[in-house]
Amino acid sequence: MVTVKLHSLLRKAAGEGQFSTKAGTVKDILKEVRGRYGPGVERYLAQSIVMVNGRNASDLKGARTRLQDGDEVAIYPRIAGG
């Protein structure tokens, strides 16, 4: 199983902080998050940073990054402030 952790405003929009799944790629995870939590999370996912085992997915293979049992995916929405 892959553990998916939702952070900050994304966690608040989803109503929970994590779930487990058998998703095969980062793209699958993002699709599952959209399906589980609906359109309320979309605005946060559009600009999110996705980490796989502490490494930015964009430094790996992006959305095509393959996941294995025991991996941890953390999704951090970008937050603007001032």
PDB file of N, CA and C in Angstrom:
ATOM      1  N   MET A   1       0.835  -1.188   0.000  1.00  0.00           N
ATOM      2  CA  MET A   1       0.000   0.000   0.000  1.00  0.00           C
ATOM      3  C   MET A   1       0.881   1.254   0.000  1.00  0.00           C
ATOM      4  N   VAL A   2       0.376   2.300  -0.608  1.00  0.00           N
ATOM      5  CA  VAL A   2       1.030   3.601  -0.642  1.00  0.00           C
ATOM      6  C   VAL A   2       0.262   4.514   0.308  1.00  0.00           C
ATOM      7  N   THR A   3       0.983   5.220   1.167  1.00  0.00           N
ATOM      8  CA  THR A   3       0.356   6.180   2.073  1.00  0.00           C
ATOM      9  C   THR A   3       0.375   7.549   1.408  1.00  0.00           C
ATOM     10  N   VAL A   4      -0.774   8.202   1.370  1.00  0.00           N
ATOM     11  CA  VAL A   4      -0.899   9.534   0.789  1.00  0.00           C
ATOM     12  C   VAL A   4      -1.229  10.500   1.916  1.00  0.00           C
ATOM     13  N   LYS A   5      -0.393  11.527   2.070  1.00  0.00           N
ATOM     14  CA  LYS A   5      -0.610  12.535   3.109  1.00  0.00           C
ATOM     15  C   LYS A   5      -0.966  13.860   2.466  1.00  0.00           C
ATOM     16  N   LEU A   6      -2.049  14.439   2.944  1.00  0.00           N
ATOM     17  CA  LEU A   6      -2.534  15.721   2.446  1.00  0.00           C
ATOM     18  C   LEU A   6      -2.183  16.794   3.472  1.00  0.00           C
ATOM     19  N   HIS A   7      -1.653  17.916   3.015  1.00  0.00           N
ATOM     20  CA  HIS A   7      -1.190  18.938   3.937  1.00  0.00           C
ATOM     21  C   HIS A   7      -1.933  20.257   3.761  1.00  0.00           C
ATOM     22  N   SER A   8      -1.920  21.045   4.817  1.00  0.00           N
ATOM     23  CA  SER A   8      -2.387  22.421   4.848  1.00  0.00           C
ATOM     24  C   SER A   8      -3.846  22.551   4.378  1.00  0.00           C
ATOM     25  N   LEU A   9      -4.090  23.491   3.457  1.00  0.00           N
ATOM     26  CA  LEU A   9      -5.453  23.754   3.004  1.00  0.00           C
ATOM     27  C   LEU A   9      -6.066  22.577   2.262  1.00  0.00           C
ATOM     28  N   LEU A  10      -5.228  21.757   1.660  1.00  0.00           N
ATOM     29  CA  LEU A  10      -5.717  20.561   0.983  1.00  0.00           C
ATOM     30  C   LEU A  10      -6.313  19.585   1.992  1.00  0.00           C
ATOM     31  N   ARG A  11      -5.649  19.425   3.119  1.00  0.00           N
ATOM     32  CA  ARG A  11      -6.175  18.560   4.178  1.00  0.00           C
ATOM     33  C   ARG A  11      -7.511  19.097   4.679  1.00  0.00           C
ATOM     34  N   LYS A  12      -7.583  20.392   4.844  1.00  0.00           N
ATOM     35  CA  LYS A  12      -8.834  21.002   5.329  1.00  0.00           C
ATOM     36  C   LYS A  12      -9.968  20.798   4.310  1.00  0.00           C
ATOM     37  N   ALA A  13      -9.683  20.984   3.036  1.00  0.00           N
ATOM     38  CA  ALA A  13     -10.701  20.812   1.988  1.00  0.00           C
ATOM     39  C   ALA A  13     -11.150  19.358   1.886  1.00  0.00           C
ATOM     40  N   ALA A  14     -10.220  18.418   2.087  1.00  0.00           N
ATOM     41  CA  ALA A  14     -10.544  16.995   1.983  1.00  0.00           C
ATOM     42  C   ALA A  14     -11.261  16.474   3.221  1.00  0.00           C
ATOM     43  N   GLY A  15     -11.018  17.095   4.372  1.00  0.00           N
ATOM     44  CA  GLY A  15     -11.641  16.637   5.600  1.00  0.00           C
ATOM     45  C   GLY A  15     -10.876  15.525   6.304  1.00  0.00           C
ATOM     46  N   GLU A  16      -9.703  15.157   5.772  1.00  0.00           N
ATOM     47  CA  GLU A  16      -8.844  14.172   6.421  1.00  0.00           C
ATOM     48  C   GLU A  16      -7.406  14.397   5.953  1.00  0.00           C
ATOM     49  N   GLY A  17      -6.472  13.863   6.708  1.00  0.00           N
ATOM     50  CA  GLY A  17      -5.075  14.123   6.437  1.00  0.00           C
ATOM     51  C   GLY A  17      -4.337  13.049   5.662  1.00  0.00           C
ATOM     52  N   GLN A  18      -4.885  11.842   5.599  1.00  0.00           N
ATOM     53  CA  GLN A  18      -4.185  10.799   4.848  1.00  0.00           C
ATOM     54  C   GLN A  18      -5.096   9.634   4.528  1.00  0.00           C
ATOM     55  N   PHE A  19      -4.651   8.833   3.549  1.00  0.00           N
ATOM     56  CA  PHE A  19      -5.329   7.595   3.195  1.00  0.00           C
ATOM     57  C   PHE A  19      -4.310   6.662   2.567  1.00  0.00           C
ATOM     58  N   SER A  20      -4.669   5.408   2.428  1.00  0.00           N
ATOM     59  CA  SER A  20      -3.802   4.415   1.792  1.00  0.00           C
ATOM     60  C   SER A  20      -4.455   3.943   0.507  1.00  0.00           C
ATOM     61  N   THR A  21      -3.618   3.600  -0.464  1.00  0.00           N
ATOM     62  CA  THR A  21      -4.121   3.183  -1.769  1.00  0.00           C
ATOM     63  C   THR A  21      -3.130   2.239  -2.437  1.00  0.00           C
ATOM     64  N   LYS A  22      -3.564   1.637  -3.520  1.00  0.00           N
ATOM     65  CA  LYS A  22      -2.694   0.757  -4.303  1.00  0.00           C
ATOM     66  C   LYS A  22      -2.296   1.417  -5.619  1.00  0.00           C
ATOM     67  N   ALA A  23      -2.445   2.725  -5.733  1.00  0.00           N
ATOM     68  CA  ALA A  23      -2.164   3.446  -6.972  1.00  0.00           C
ATOM     69  C   ALA A  23      -0.765   3.155  -7.484  1.00  0.00           C
ATOM     70  N   GLY A  24      -0.625   3.109  -8.814  1.00  0.00           N
ATOM     71  CA  GLY A  24       0.644   2.749  -9.420  1.00  0.00           C
ATOM     72  C   GLY A  24       1.565   3.900  -9.766  1.00  0.00           C
ATOM     73  N   THR A  25       1.009   5.103  -9.983  1.00  0.00           N
ATOM     74  CA  THR A  25       1.825   6.264 -10.336  1.00  0.00           C
ATOM     75  C   THR A  25       1.321   7.499  -9.600  1.00  0.00           C
ATOM     76  N   VAL A  26       2.114   8.557  -9.657  1.00  0.00           N
ATOM     77  CA  VAL A  26       1.695   9.828  -9.065  1.00  0.00           C
ATOM     78  C   VAL A  26       0.420  10.315  -9.761  1.00  0.00           C
ATOM     79  N   LYS A  27       0.329  10.135 -11.068  1.00  0.00           N
ATOM     80  CA  LYS A  27      -0.875  10.530 -11.801  1.00  0.00           C
ATOM     81  C   LYS A  27      -2.107   9.817 -11.242  1.00  0.00           C
ATOM     82  N   ASP A  28      -1.976   8.528 -10.941  1.00  0.00           N
ATOM     83  CA  ASP A  28      -3.082   7.762 -10.360  1.00  0.00           C
ATOM     84  C   ASP A  28      -3.489   8.339  -8.999  1.00  0.00           C
ATOM     85  N   ILE A  29      -2.497   8.731  -8.210  1.00  0.00           N
ATOM     86  CA  ILE A  29      -2.781   9.310  -6.884  1.00  0.00           C
ATOM     87  C   ILE A  29      -3.594  10.585  -7.044  1.00  0.00           C
ATOM     88  N   LEU A  30      -3.160  11.473  -7.921  1.00  0.00           N
ATOM     89  CA  LEU A  30      -3.871  12.739  -8.107  1.00  0.00           C
ATOM     90  C   LEU A  30      -5.293  12.504  -8.610  1.00  0.00           C
ATOM     91  N   LYS A  31      -5.454  11.540  -9.489  1.00  0.00           N
ATOM     92  CA  LYS A  31      -6.798  11.193  -9.972  1.00  0.00           C
ATOM     93  C   LYS A  31      -7.653  10.660  -8.826  1.00  0.00           C
ATOM     94  N   GLU A  32      -7.067   9.835  -7.970  1.00  0.00           N
ATOM     95  CA  GLU A  32      -7.814   9.291  -6.833  1.00  0.00           C
ATOM     96  C   GLU A  32      -8.209  10.384  -5.843  1.00  0.00           C
ATOM     97  N   VAL A  33      -7.308  11.329  -5.597  1.00  0.00           N
ATOM     98  CA  VAL A  33      -7.635  12.441  -4.693  1.00  0.00           C
ATOM     99  C   VAL A  33      -8.826  13.220  -5.243  1.00  0.00           C
ATOM    100  N   ARG A  34      -8.806  13.503  -6.534  1.00  0.00           N
ATOM    101  CA  ARG A  34      -9.940  14.216  -7.155  1.00  0.00           C
ATOM    102  C   ARG A  34     -11.234  13.423  -7.012  1.00  0.00           C
ATOM    103  N   GLY A  35     -11.173  12.124  -7.243  1.00  0.00           N
ATOM    104  CA  GLY A  35     -12.356  11.274  -7.146  1.00  0.00           C
ATOM    105  C   GLY A  35     -12.888  11.145  -5.735  1.00  0.00           C
ATOM    106  N   ARG A  36     -11.993  11.054  -4.770  1.00  0.00           N
ATOM    107  CA  ARG A  36     -12.401  10.885  -3.367  1.00  0.00           C
ATOM    108  C   ARG A  36     -13.021  12.150  -2.793  1.00  0.00           C
ATOM    109  N   TYR A  37     -12.439  13.301  -3.118  1.00  0.00           N
ATOM    110  CA  TYR A  37     -12.804  14.533  -2.425  1.00  0.00           C
ATOM    111  C   TYR A  37     -13.526  15.565  -3.279  1.00  0.00           C
ATOM    112  N   GLY A  38     -13.690  15.292  -4.563  1.00  0.00           N
ATOM    113  CA  GLY A  38     -14.493  16.148  -5.419  1.00  0.00           C
ATOM    114  C   GLY A  38     -13.844  17.455  -5.822  1.00  0.00           C
ATOM    115  N   PRO A  39     -14.650  18.319  -6.436  1.00  0.00           N
ATOM    116  CA  PRO A  39     -14.123  19.558  -7.001  1.00  0.00           C
ATOM    117  C   PRO A  39     -13.568  20.543  -5.973  1.00  0.00           C
ATOM    118  N   GLY A  40     -13.899  20.365  -4.707  1.00  0.00           N
ATOM    119  CA  GLY A  40     -13.400  21.278  -3.677  1.00  0.00           C
ATOM    120  C   GLY A  40     -11.891  21.251  -3.508  1.00  0.00           C
ATOM    121  N   VAL A  41     -11.251  20.165  -3.935  1.00  0.00           N
ATOM    122  CA  VAL A  41      -9.791  20.066  -3.790  1.00  0.00           C
ATOM    123  C   VAL A  41      -9.057  20.476  -5.066  1.00  0.00           C
ATOM    124  N   GLU A  42      -9.761  20.597  -6.163  1.00  0.00           N
ATOM    125  CA  GLU A  42      -9.123  20.849  -7.456  1.00  0.00           C
ATOM    126  C   GLU A  42      -8.261  22.110  -7.447  1.00  0.00           C
ATOM    127  N   ARG A  43      -8.738  23.162  -6.852  1.00  0.00           N
ATOM    128  CA  ARG A  43      -7.968  24.416  -6.874  1.00  0.00           C
ATOM    129  C   ARG A  43      -6.649  24.285  -6.122  1.00  0.00           C
ATOM    130  N   TYR A  44      -6.587  23.381  -5.166  1.00  0.00           N
ATOM    131  CA  TYR A  44      -5.339  23.167  -4.430  1.00  0.00           C
ATOM    132  C   TYR A  44      -4.405  22.217  -5.189  1.00  0.00           C
ATOM    133  N   LEU A  45      -4.968  21.250  -5.886  1.00  0.00           N
ATOM    134  CA  LEU A  45      -4.141  20.288  -6.617  1.00  0.00           C
ATOM    135  C   LEU A  45      -3.452  20.918  -7.827  1.00  0.00           C
ATOM    136  N   ALA A  46      -4.096  21.900  -8.431  1.00  0.00           N
ATOM    137  CA  ALA A  46      -3.563  22.499  -9.656  1.00  0.00           C
ATOM    138  C   ALA A  46      -2.153  23.057  -9.469  1.00  0.00           C
ATOM    139  N   GLN A  47      -1.834  23.529  -8.301  1.00  0.00           N
ATOM    140  CA  GLN A  47      -0.530  24.144  -8.039  1.00  0.00           C
ATOM    141  C   GLN A  47       0.240  23.423  -6.938  1.00  0.00           C
ATOM    142  N   SER A  48      -0.061  22.168  -6.706  1.00  0.00           N
ATOM    143  CA  SER A  48       0.550  21.437  -5.590  1.00  0.00           C
ATOM    144  C   SER A  48       1.958  20.941  -5.901  1.00  0.00           C
ATOM    145  N   ILE A  49       2.711  20.742  -4.840  1.00  0.00           N
ATOM    146  CA  ILE A  49       4.006  20.090  -4.916  1.00  0.00           C
ATOM    147  C   ILE A  49       3.803  18.673  -4.395  1.00  0.00           C
ATOM    148  N   VAL A  50       4.223  17.692  -5.182  1.00  0.00           N
ATOM    149  CA  VAL A  50       4.057  16.289  -4.803  1.00  0.00           C
ATOM    150  C   VAL A  50       5.429  15.714  -4.467  1.00  0.00           C
ATOM    151  N   MET A  51       5.530  15.161  -3.280  1.00  0.00           N
ATOM    152  CA  MET A  51       6.773  14.549  -2.821  1.00  0.00           C
ATOM    153  C   MET A  51       6.571  13.037  -2.726  1.00  0.00           C
ATOM    154  N   VAL A  52       7.558  12.288  -3.189  1.00  0.00           N
ATOM    155  CA  VAL A  52       7.544  10.829  -3.090  1.00  0.00           C
ATOM    156  C   VAL A  52       8.741  10.426  -2.243  1.00  0.00           C
ATOM    157  N   ASN A  53       8.450   9.907  -1.066  1.00  0.00           N
ATOM    158  CA  ASN A  53       9.514   9.513  -0.132  1.00  0.00           C
ATOM    159  C   ASN A  53      10.500  10.656   0.116  1.00  0.00           C
ATOM    160  N   GLY A  54       9.970  11.875   0.232  1.00  0.00           N
ATOM    161  CA  GLY A  54      10.797  13.036   0.539  1.00  0.00           C
ATOM    162  C   GLY A  54      11.477  13.687  -0.655  1.00  0.00           C
ATOM    163  N   ARG A  55      11.236  13.170  -1.838  1.00  0.00           N
ATOM    164  CA  ARG A  55      11.830  13.748  -3.049  1.00  0.00           C
ATOM    165  C   ARG A  55      10.728  14.325  -3.925  1.00  0.00           C
ATOM    166  N   ASN A  56      10.983  15.508  -4.459  1.00  0.00           N
ATOM    167  CA  ASN A  56      10.003  16.149  -5.322  1.00  0.00           C
ATOM    168  C   ASN A  56       9.768  15.278  -6.555  1.00  0.00           C
ATOM    169  N   ALA A  57       8.518  14.961  -6.825  1.00  0.00           N
ATOM    170  CA  ALA A  57       8.182  14.097  -7.965  1.00  0.00           C
ATOM    171  C   ALA A  57       8.664  14.702  -9.277  1.00  0.00           C
ATOM    172  N   SER A  58       8.716  16.026  -9.371  1.00  0.00           N
ATOM    173  CA  SER A  58       9.187  16.655 -10.612  1.00  0.00           C
ATOM    174  C   SER A  58      10.676  16.383 -10.840  1.00  0.00           C
ATOM    175  N   ASP A  59      11.413  16.045  -9.788  1.00  0.00           N
ATOM    176  CA  ASP A  59      12.819  15.672  -9.938  1.00  0.00           C
ATOM    177  C   ASP A  59      12.970  14.198 -10.317  1.00  0.00           C
ATOM    178  N   LEU A  60      11.889  13.462 -10.230  1.00  0.00           N
ATOM    179  CA  LEU A  60      11.883  12.043 -10.602  1.00  0.00           C
ATOM    180  C   LEU A  60      11.310  11.960 -12.014  1.00  0.00           C
ATOM    181  N   LYS A  61      10.159  11.353 -12.178  1.00  0.00           N
ATOM    182  CA  LYS A  61       9.520  11.272 -13.497  1.00  0.00           C
ATOM    183  C   LYS A  61       8.171  11.988 -13.511  1.00  0.00           C
ATOM    184  N   GLY A  62       8.002  12.945 -12.605  1.00  0.00           N
ATOM    185  CA  GLY A  62       6.762  13.710 -12.560  1.00  0.00           C
ATOM    186  C   GLY A  62       5.567  12.823 -12.295  1.00  0.00           C
ATOM    187  N   ALA A  63       4.495  13.056 -13.030  1.00  0.00           N
ATOM    188  CA  ALA A  63       3.255  12.290 -12.845  1.00  0.00           C
ATOM    189  C   ALA A  63       3.438  10.816 -13.215  1.00  0.00           C
ATOM    190  N   ARG A  64       4.474  10.506 -13.991  1.00  0.00           N
ATOM    191  CA  ARG A  64       4.725   9.118 -14.398  1.00  0.00           C
ATOM    192  C   ARG A  64       5.554   8.343 -13.374  1.00  0.00           C
ATOM    193  N   THR A  65       5.923   8.987 -12.269  1.00  0.00           N
ATOM    194  CA  THR A  65       6.713   8.319 -11.238  1.00  0.00           C
ATOM    195  C   THR A  65       5.958   7.099 -10.721  1.00  0.00           C
ATOM    196  N   ARG A  66       6.577   5.939 -10.824  1.00  0.00           N
ATOM    197  CA  ARG A  66       5.957   4.687 -10.369  1.00  0.00           C
ATOM    198  C   ARG A  66       6.121   4.562  -8.862  1.00  0.00           C
ATOM    199  N   LEU A  67       5.090   4.034  -8.229  1.00  0.00           N
ATOM    200  CA  LEU A  67       5.062   3.867  -6.784  1.00  0.00           C
ATOM    201  C   LEU A  67       5.082   2.393  -6.420  1.00  0.00           C
ATOM    202  N   GLN A  68       5.663   2.103  -5.247  1.00  0.00           N
ATOM    203  CA  GLN A  68       5.754   0.737  -4.763  1.00  0.00           C
ATOM    204  C   GLN A  68       5.144   0.659  -3.367  1.00  0.00           C
ATOM    205  N   ASP A  69       4.830  -0.560  -2.946  1.00  0.00           N
ATOM    206  CA  ASP A  69       4.331  -0.754  -1.581  1.00  0.00           C
ATOM    207  C   ASP A  69       5.302  -0.121  -0.590  1.00  0.00           C
ATOM    208  N   GLY A  70       4.743   0.592   0.376  1.00  0.00           N
ATOM    209  CA  GLY A  70       5.552   1.227   1.406  1.00  0.00           C
ATOM    210  C   GLY A  70       5.945   2.661   1.090  1.00  0.00           C
ATOM    211  N   ASP A  71       5.710   3.123  -0.142  1.00  0.00           N
ATOM    212  CA  ASP A  71       6.038   4.503  -0.486  1.00  0.00           C
ATOM    213  C   ASP A  71       5.096   5.469   0.228  1.00  0.00           C
ATOM    214  N   GLU A  72       5.594   6.686   0.420  1.00  0.00           N
ATOM    215  CA  GLU A  72       4.781   7.747   1.006  1.00  0.00           C
ATOM    216  C   GLU A  72       4.744   8.914   0.026  1.00  0.00           C
ATOM    217  N   VAL A  73       3.538   9.343  -0.287  1.00  0.00           N
ATOM    218  CA  VAL A  73       3.335  10.491  -1.171  1.00  0.00           C
ATOM    219  C   VAL A  73       2.730  11.612  -0.329  1.00  0.00           C
ATOM    220  N   ALA A  74       3.388  12.756  -0.336  1.00  0.00           N
ATOM    221  CA  ALA A  74       2.891  13.923   0.394  1.00  0.00           C
ATOM    222  C   ALA A  74       2.534  14.992  -0.620  1.00  0.00           C
ATOM    223  N   ILE A  75       1.361  15.591  -0.467  1.00  0.00           N
ATOM    224  CA  ILE A  75       0.907  16.632  -1.390  1.00  0.00           C
ATOM    225  C   ILE A  75       0.762  17.926  -0.610  1.00  0.00           C
ATOM    226  N   TYR A  76       1.525  18.948  -1.073  1.00  0.00           N
ATOM    227  CA  TYR A  76       1.546  20.260  -0.432  1.00  0.00           C
ATOM    228  C   TYR A  76       1.000  21.301  -1.401  1.00  0.00           C
ATOM    229  N   PRO A  77      -0.140  21.911  -1.076  1.00  0.00           N
ATOM    230  CA  PRO A  77      -0.632  22.975  -1.953  1.00  0.00           C
ATOM    231  C   PRO A  77       0.238  24.228  -1.769  1.00  0.00           C
ATOM    232  N   ARG A  78       0.453  24.931  -2.865  1.00  0.00           N
ATOM    233  CA  ARG A  78       1.197  26.195  -2.756  1.00  0.00           C
ATOM    234  C   ARG A  78       0.290  27.217  -2.086  1.00  0.00           C
ATOM    235  N   ILE A  79       0.886  27.958  -1.214  1.00  0.00           N
ATOM    236  CA  ILE A  79       0.121  28.947  -0.453  1.00  0.00           C
ATOM    237  C   ILE A  79       0.745  30.317  -0.685  1.00  0.00           C
ATOM    238  N   ALA A  80      -0.079  31.261  -1.079  1.00  0.00           N
ATOM    239  CA  ALA A  80       0.402  32.632  -1.262  1.00  0.00           C
ATOM    240  C   ALA A  80       0.076  33.437  -0.020  1.00  0.00           C
ATOM    241  N   GLY A  81       0.936  34.285   0.316  1.00  0.00           N
ATOM    242  CA  GLY A  81       0.707  35.137   1.484  1.00  0.00           C
ATOM    243  C   GLY A  81       1.301  36.501   1.248  1.00  0.00           C
ATOM    244  N   GLY A  82       1.104  37.353   2.208  1.00  0.00           N
ATOM    245  CA  GLY A  82       1.671  38.679   1.972  1.00  0.00           C
ATOM    246  C   GLY A  82       1.725  39.495   3.210  1.00  0.00           C
TER     247      GLY A  82
END
